[in-house]
């Protein structure tokens, strides 16, 4: 098949030019084939810091370790979402840190996320129930559609870096399955 609008110049056929023209038409047709978007821009997503609640009743004060693990959890989620290239993670500017959905009013939180240029925001909290069991509440909000896309409770065992890494990887993969694609 010939590319529309392509005409051969009068005179003897030129194989090299004809082959190049055919190849260029094929590449152009492939690049705008149905179902393919030409270099869609990544979707801007903000991942808020996560709240942390320790209701385990343990005697030892582990608040410094827990703050570090919860901060690491959010950082791992940001890295996970940014790694594929479909999403561009944007930082939320907050007057106080950690920058969580409960550290400020709902209106201020949403305004800060919108100011960051995010279409999507991930937020939630982690609760330590006992020495072995923790659970997290993860929410995904689409600000453009003004719709909660996901609200998921996840549980994980362990109160160490490996447990938090494993949970963050699981949550990141779960979010990517739910999030709109560019």
C-alpha atoms as a PDB file:
ATOM      1  CA  UNK A   1       0.000   0.000   0.000  1.00  0.00           C
ATOM      2  CA  UNK A   2       1.046   3.533  -0.746  1.00  0.00           C
ATOM      3  CA  UNK A   3       1.188   6.334   1.759  1.00  0.00           C
ATOM      4  CA  UNK A   4      -1.533   8.916   1.045  1.00  0.00           C
ATOM      5  CA  UNK A   5      -0.301  11.909  -0.791  1.00  0.00           C
ATOM      6  CA  UNK A   6       2.930  10.239  -1.842  1.00  0.00           C
ATOM      7  CA  UNK A   7       3.495  10.515  -5.575  1.00  0.00           C
ATOM      8  CA  UNK A   8       6.290   9.175  -7.576  1.00  0.00           C
ATOM      9  CA  UNK A   9       8.224  11.652  -9.643  1.00  0.00           C
ATOM     10  CA  UNK A  10       8.053  11.143 -13.406  1.00  0.00           C
ATOM     11  CA  UNK A  11      10.885   9.196 -14.898  1.00  0.00           C
ATOM     12  CA  UNK A  12      12.521   5.901 -14.091  1.00  0.00           C
ATOM     13  CA  UNK A  13      11.717   4.353 -10.650  1.00  0.00           C
ATOM     14  CA  UNK A  14      14.263   5.014  -7.923  1.00  0.00           C
ATOM     15  CA  UNK A  15      14.411   2.046  -5.596  1.00  0.00           C
ATOM     16  CA  UNK A  16      16.330   3.719  -2.772  1.00  0.00           C
ATOM     17  CA  UNK A  17      14.028   6.743  -2.518  1.00  0.00           C
ATOM     18  CA  UNK A  18      10.925   4.579  -2.814  1.00  0.00           C
ATOM     19  CA  UNK A  19      12.086   2.258  -0.023  1.00  0.00           C
ATOM     20  CA  UNK A  20      12.884   5.184   2.267  1.00  0.00           C
ATOM     21  CA  UNK A  21       9.493   6.789   1.569  1.00  0.00           C
ATOM     22  CA  UNK A  22       7.694   3.501   2.274  1.00  0.00           C
ATOM     23  CA  UNK A  23       9.608   3.049   5.528  1.00  0.00           C
ATOM     24  CA  UNK A  24       8.852   6.616   6.659  1.00  0.00           C
ATOM     25  CA  UNK A  25       5.143   6.118   5.941  1.00  0.00           C
ATOM     26  CA  UNK A  26       5.128   2.862   7.914  1.00  0.00           C
ATOM     27  CA  UNK A  27       6.851   4.470  10.897  1.00  0.00           C
ATOM     28  CA  UNK A  28       4.420   7.397  10.817  1.00  0.00           C
ATOM     29  CA  UNK A  29       1.407   5.064  10.642  1.00  0.00           C
ATOM     30  CA  UNK A  30       2.738   2.904  13.493  1.00  0.00           C
ATOM     31  CA  UNK A  31       3.430   5.866  15.753  1.00  0.00           C
ATOM     32  CA  UNK A  32      -0.205   7.025  15.653  1.00  0.00           C
ATOM     33  CA  UNK A  33      -1.852   3.604  15.493  1.00  0.00           C
ATOM     34  CA  UNK A  34      -5.113   3.217  17.432  1.00  0.00           C
ATOM     35  CA  UNK A  35      -4.528   2.573  21.130  1.00  0.00           C
ATOM     36  CA  UNK A  36      -1.167   4.322  21.161  1.00  0.00           C
ATOM     37  CA  UNK A  37      -0.875   7.827  22.466  1.00  0.00           C
ATOM     38  CA  UNK A  38       2.029   9.850  21.176  1.00  0.00           C
ATOM     39  CA  UNK A  39       4.242  10.369  24.260  1.00  0.00           C
ATOM     40  CA  UNK A  40       1.520  10.964  26.855  1.00  0.00           C
ATOM     41  CA  UNK A  41       2.709  13.139  29.704  1.00  0.00           C
ATOM     42  CA  UNK A  42       3.065  11.394  33.055  1.00  0.00           C
ATOM     43  CA  UNK A  43       0.295  12.021  35.582  1.00  0.00           C
ATOM     44  CA  UNK A  44       1.320  14.205  38.524  1.00  0.00           C
ATOM     45  CA  UNK A  45       0.836  12.462  41.865  1.00  0.00           C
ATOM     46  CA  UNK A  46       1.578  13.632  45.388  1.00  0.00           C
ATOM     47  CA  UNK A  47       2.335  11.126  48.127  1.00  0.00           C
ATOM     48  CA  UNK A  48       1.731  12.669  51.527  1.00  0.00           C
ATOM     49  CA  UNK A  49       3.635  11.640  54.614  1.00  0.00           C
ATOM     50  CA  UNK A  50       1.791   8.981  56.611  1.00  0.00           C
ATOM     51  CA  UNK A  51       0.350   9.309  60.088  1.00  0.00           C
ATOM     52  CA  UNK A  52       1.516   6.798  62.683  1.00  0.00           C
ATOM     53  CA  UNK A  53      -0.301   5.522  65.754  1.00  0.00           C
ATOM     54  CA  UNK A  54       1.178   3.066  68.231  1.00  0.00           C
ATOM     55  CA  UNK A  55      -1.555   1.375  70.244  1.00  0.00           C
ATOM     56  CA  UNK A  56       0.521  -1.692  71.111  1.00  0.00           C
ATOM     57  CA  UNK A  57       1.141  -0.673  74.701  1.00  0.00           C
ATOM     58  CA  UNK A  58       4.797  -1.694  74.539  1.00  0.00           C
ATOM     59  CA  UNK A  59       6.932  -0.270  77.330  1.00  0.00           C
ATOM     60  CA  UNK A  60       9.990   0.599  75.211  1.00  0.00           C
ATOM     61  CA  UNK A  61       9.882   3.990  73.482  1.00  0.00           C
ATOM     62  CA  UNK A  62      10.427   3.295  69.785  1.00  0.00           C
ATOM     63  CA  UNK A  63       9.033   6.578  68.474  1.00  0.00           C
ATOM     64  CA  UNK A  64      12.283   7.606  66.720  1.00  0.00           C
ATOM     65  CA  UNK A  65      12.522   4.246  64.915  1.00  0.00           C
ATOM     66  CA  UNK A  66       8.854   4.393  63.964  1.00  0.00           C
ATOM     67  CA  UNK A  67       9.136   7.948  62.583  1.00  0.00           C
ATOM     68  CA  UNK A  68      12.075   6.833  60.437  1.00  0.00           C
ATOM     69  CA  UNK A  69      10.231   3.737  59.161  1.00  0.00           C
ATOM     70  CA  UNK A  70       7.049   5.638  58.347  1.00  0.00           C
ATOM     71  CA  UNK A  71       9.081   8.293  56.493  1.00  0.00           C
ATOM     72  CA  UNK A  72      10.862   5.495  54.625  1.00  0.00           C
ATOM     73  CA  UNK A  73       7.496   3.908  53.760  1.00  0.00           C
ATOM     74  CA  UNK A  74       6.326   7.131  52.055  1.00  0.00           C
ATOM     75  CA  UNK A  75       9.681   7.575  50.274  1.00  0.00           C
ATOM     76  CA  UNK A  76       9.539   3.987  48.973  1.00  0.00           C
ATOM     77  CA  UNK A  77       6.003   4.596  47.659  1.00  0.00           C
ATOM     78  CA  UNK A  78       7.174   7.736  45.858  1.00  0.00           C
ATOM     79  CA  UNK A  79      10.093   5.852  44.297  1.00  0.00           C
ATOM     80  CA  UNK A  80       7.850   2.938  43.296  1.00  0.00           C
ATOM     81  CA  UNK A  81       5.321   5.202  41.567  1.00  0.00           C
ATOM     82  CA  UNK A  82       7.977   7.274  39.785  1.00  0.00           C
ATOM     83  CA  UNK A  83      10.012   4.276  38.584  1.00  0.00           C
ATOM     84  CA  UNK A  84       7.738   3.260  35.714  1.00  0.00           C
ATOM     85  CA  UNK A  85       7.525   6.719  34.146  1.00  0.00           C
ATOM     86  CA  UNK A  86       3.712   6.858  33.974  1.00  0.00           C
ATOM     87  CA  UNK A  87       3.640   9.073  37.055  1.00  0.00           C
ATOM     88  CA  UNK A  88       5.545  12.185  38.078  1.00  0.00           C
ATOM     89  CA  UNK A  89       5.762  12.499  41.852  1.00  0.00           C
ATOM     90  CA  UNK A  90       5.442  16.087  43.081  1.00  0.00           C
ATOM     91  CA  UNK A  91       6.279  17.288  46.598  1.00  0.00           C
ATOM     92  CA  UNK A  92       3.653  18.847  48.838  1.00  0.00           C
ATOM     93  CA  UNK A  93       4.714  22.087  50.541  1.00  0.00           C
ATOM     94  CA  UNK A  94       3.480  22.168  54.129  1.00  0.00           C
ATOM     95  CA  UNK A  95       4.107  24.619  56.947  1.00  0.00           C
ATOM     96  CA  UNK A  96       4.877  21.762  59.362  1.00  0.00           C
ATOM     97  CA  UNK A  97       6.303  18.284  58.930  1.00  0.00           C
ATOM     98  CA  UNK A  98       5.404  15.534  58.677  1.00  0.00           C
ATOM     99  CA  UNK A  99       2.982  16.667  55.994  1.00  0.00           C
ATOM    100  CA  UNK A 100       0.032  14.332  56.583  1.00  0.00           C
ATOM    101  CA  UNK A 101      -3.675  14.516  55.809  1.00  0.00           C
ATOM    102  CA  UNK A 102      -4.405  14.965  59.528  1.00  0.00           C
ATOM    103  CA  UNK A 103      -1.663  17.478  60.353  1.00  0.00           C
ATOM    104  CA  UNK A 104      -3.732  20.257  58.759  1.00  0.00           C
ATOM    105  CA  UNK A 105      -7.356  20.908  57.897  1.00  0.00           C
ATOM    106  CA  UNK A 106      -8.803  19.057  54.916  1.00  0.00           C
ATOM    107  CA  UNK A 107      -9.144  22.304  52.940  1.00  0.00           C
ATOM    108  CA  UNK A 108      -5.504  23.285  53.549  1.00  0.00           C
ATOM    109  CA  UNK A 109      -4.292  19.792  52.701  1.00  0.00           C
ATOM    110  CA  UNK A 110      -6.202  19.713  49.375  1.00  0.00           C
ATOM    111  CA  UNK A 111      -5.067  23.282  48.586  1.00  0.00           C
ATOM    112  CA  UNK A 112      -1.409  22.297  49.188  1.00  0.00           C
ATOM    113  CA  UNK A 113      -1.783  19.254  46.929  1.00  0.00           C
ATOM    114  CA  UNK A 114      -3.420  21.324  44.177  1.00  0.00           C
ATOM    115  CA  UNK A 115      -0.693  23.984  44.518  1.00  0.00           C
ATOM    116  CA  UNK A 116       1.886  21.222  43.968  1.00  0.00           C
ATOM    117  CA  UNK A 117       0.189  20.525  40.620  1.00  0.00           C
ATOM    118  CA  UNK A 118      -0.929  17.008  41.489  1.00  0.00           C
ATOM    119  CA  UNK A 119      -3.908  15.349  39.885  1.00  0.00           C
ATOM    120  CA  UNK A 120      -3.727  12.393  42.295  1.00  0.00           C
ATOM    121  CA  UNK A 121      -2.852  12.246  45.982  1.00  0.00           C
ATOM    122  CA  UNK A 122      -1.974   9.204  48.086  1.00  0.00           C
ATOM    123  CA  UNK A 123      -2.359   9.509  51.854  1.00  0.00           C
ATOM    124  CA  UNK A 124      -3.139   7.478  54.950  1.00  0.00           C
ATOM    125  CA  UNK A 125      -1.771   6.150  58.177  1.00  0.00           C
ATOM    126  CA  UNK A 126      -0.164   3.167  59.842  1.00  0.00           C
ATOM    127  CA  UNK A 127      -1.257   1.748  63.194  1.00  0.00           C
ATOM    128  CA  UNK A 128       0.841  -0.599  65.295  1.00  0.00           C
ATOM    129  CA  UNK A 129      -1.577  -3.010  66.954  1.00  0.00           C
ATOM    130  CA  UNK A 130       0.931  -5.283  68.676  1.00  0.00           C
ATOM    131  CA  UNK A 131       4.550  -6.333  68.544  1.00  0.00           C
ATOM    132  CA  UNK A 132       3.805  -8.420  65.453  1.00  0.00           C
ATOM    133  CA  UNK A 133       0.888  -6.790  63.633  1.00  0.00           C
ATOM    134  CA  UNK A 134       0.539  -3.413  61.947  1.00  0.00           C
ATOM    135  CA  UNK A 135      -2.087  -2.186  59.562  1.00  0.00           C
ATOM    136  CA  UNK A 136      -2.261   0.679  57.170  1.00  0.00           C
ATOM    137  CA  UNK A 137      -5.121   2.673  55.710  1.00  0.00           C
ATOM    138  CA  UNK A 138      -4.240   3.858  52.188  1.00  0.00           C
ATOM    139  CA  UNK A 139      -6.373   6.256  50.183  1.00  0.00           C
ATOM    140  CA  UNK A 140      -6.044   7.488  46.606  1.00  0.00           C
ATOM    141  CA  UNK A 141      -7.916  10.622  45.604  1.00  0.00           C
ATOM    142  CA  UNK A 142      -8.346  11.966  42.052  1.00  0.00           C
ATOM    143  CA  UNK A 143      -8.557  15.748  42.441  1.00  0.00           C
ATOM    144  CA  UNK A 144      -9.504  16.279  38.800  1.00  0.00           C
ATOM    145  CA  UNK A 145     -12.531  13.979  39.042  1.00  0.00           C
ATOM    146  CA  UNK A 146     -13.067  14.839  42.736  1.00  0.00           C
ATOM    147  CA  UNK A 147     -13.398  11.132  43.448  1.00  0.00           C
ATOM    148  CA  UNK A 148     -11.920   8.677  45.924  1.00  0.00           C
ATOM    149  CA  UNK A 149     -10.409   5.975  43.690  1.00  0.00           C
ATOM    150  CA  UNK A 150      -9.201   3.634  46.393  1.00  0.00           C
ATOM    151  CA  UNK A 151      -9.510   3.071  50.113  1.00  0.00           C
ATOM    152  CA  UNK A 152      -7.622  -0.005  51.193  1.00  0.00           C
ATOM    153  CA  UNK A 153      -6.621  -1.486  54.502  1.00  0.00           C
ATOM    154  CA  UNK A 154      -3.455  -3.563  54.460  1.00  0.00           C
ATOM    155  CA  UNK A 155      -1.944  -5.549  57.277  1.00  0.00           C
ATOM    156  CA  UNK A 156       1.654  -6.554  57.657  1.00  0.00           C
ATOM    157  CA  UNK A 157       3.695  -8.468  60.159  1.00  0.00           C
ATOM    158  CA  UNK A 158       6.824  -7.178  61.761  1.00  0.00           C
ATOM    159  CA  UNK A 159       8.152  -3.957  63.170  1.00  0.00           C
ATOM    160  CA  UNK A 160      11.381  -3.675  61.219  1.00  0.00           C
ATOM    161  CA  UNK A 161      12.739  -2.108  58.035  1.00  0.00           C
ATOM    162  CA  UNK A 162      12.150  -5.248  55.958  1.00  0.00           C
ATOM    163  CA  UNK A 163       8.454  -5.400  56.939  1.00  0.00           C
ATOM    164  CA  UNK A 164       7.943  -1.747  55.980  1.00  0.00           C
ATOM    165  CA  UNK A 165       9.768  -2.225  52.655  1.00  0.00           C
ATOM    166  CA  UNK A 166       7.636  -5.251  51.817  1.00  0.00           C
ATOM    167  CA  UNK A 167       4.431  -3.378  52.724  1.00  0.00           C
ATOM    168  CA  UNK A 168       5.472  -0.307  50.686  1.00  0.00           C
ATOM    169  CA  UNK A 169       6.190  -2.458  47.619  1.00  0.00           C
ATOM    170  CA  UNK A 170       2.803  -4.171  47.929  1.00  0.00           C
ATOM    171  CA  UNK A 171       0.959  -0.863  48.365  1.00  0.00           C
ATOM    172  CA  UNK A 172       2.845   0.714  45.429  1.00  0.00           C
ATOM    173  CA  UNK A 173       1.890  -2.157  43.125  1.00  0.00           C
ATOM    174  CA  UNK A 174      -1.723  -2.004  44.342  1.00  0.00           C
ATOM    175  CA  UNK A 175      -1.869   1.744  43.690  1.00  0.00           C
ATOM    176  CA  UNK A 176      -0.507   1.351  40.138  1.00  0.00           C
ATOM    177  CA  UNK A 177      -3.259  -1.168  39.377  1.00  0.00           C
ATOM    178  CA  UNK A 178      -5.891   1.383  40.461  1.00  0.00           C
ATOM    179  CA  UNK A 179      -4.412   4.662  39.205  1.00  0.00           C
ATOM    180  CA  UNK A 180      -5.468   6.036  35.823  1.00  0.00           C
ATOM    181  CA  UNK A 181      -2.918   5.654  33.047  1.00  0.00           C
ATOM    182  CA  UNK A 182      -1.627   8.568  30.960  1.00  0.00           C
END
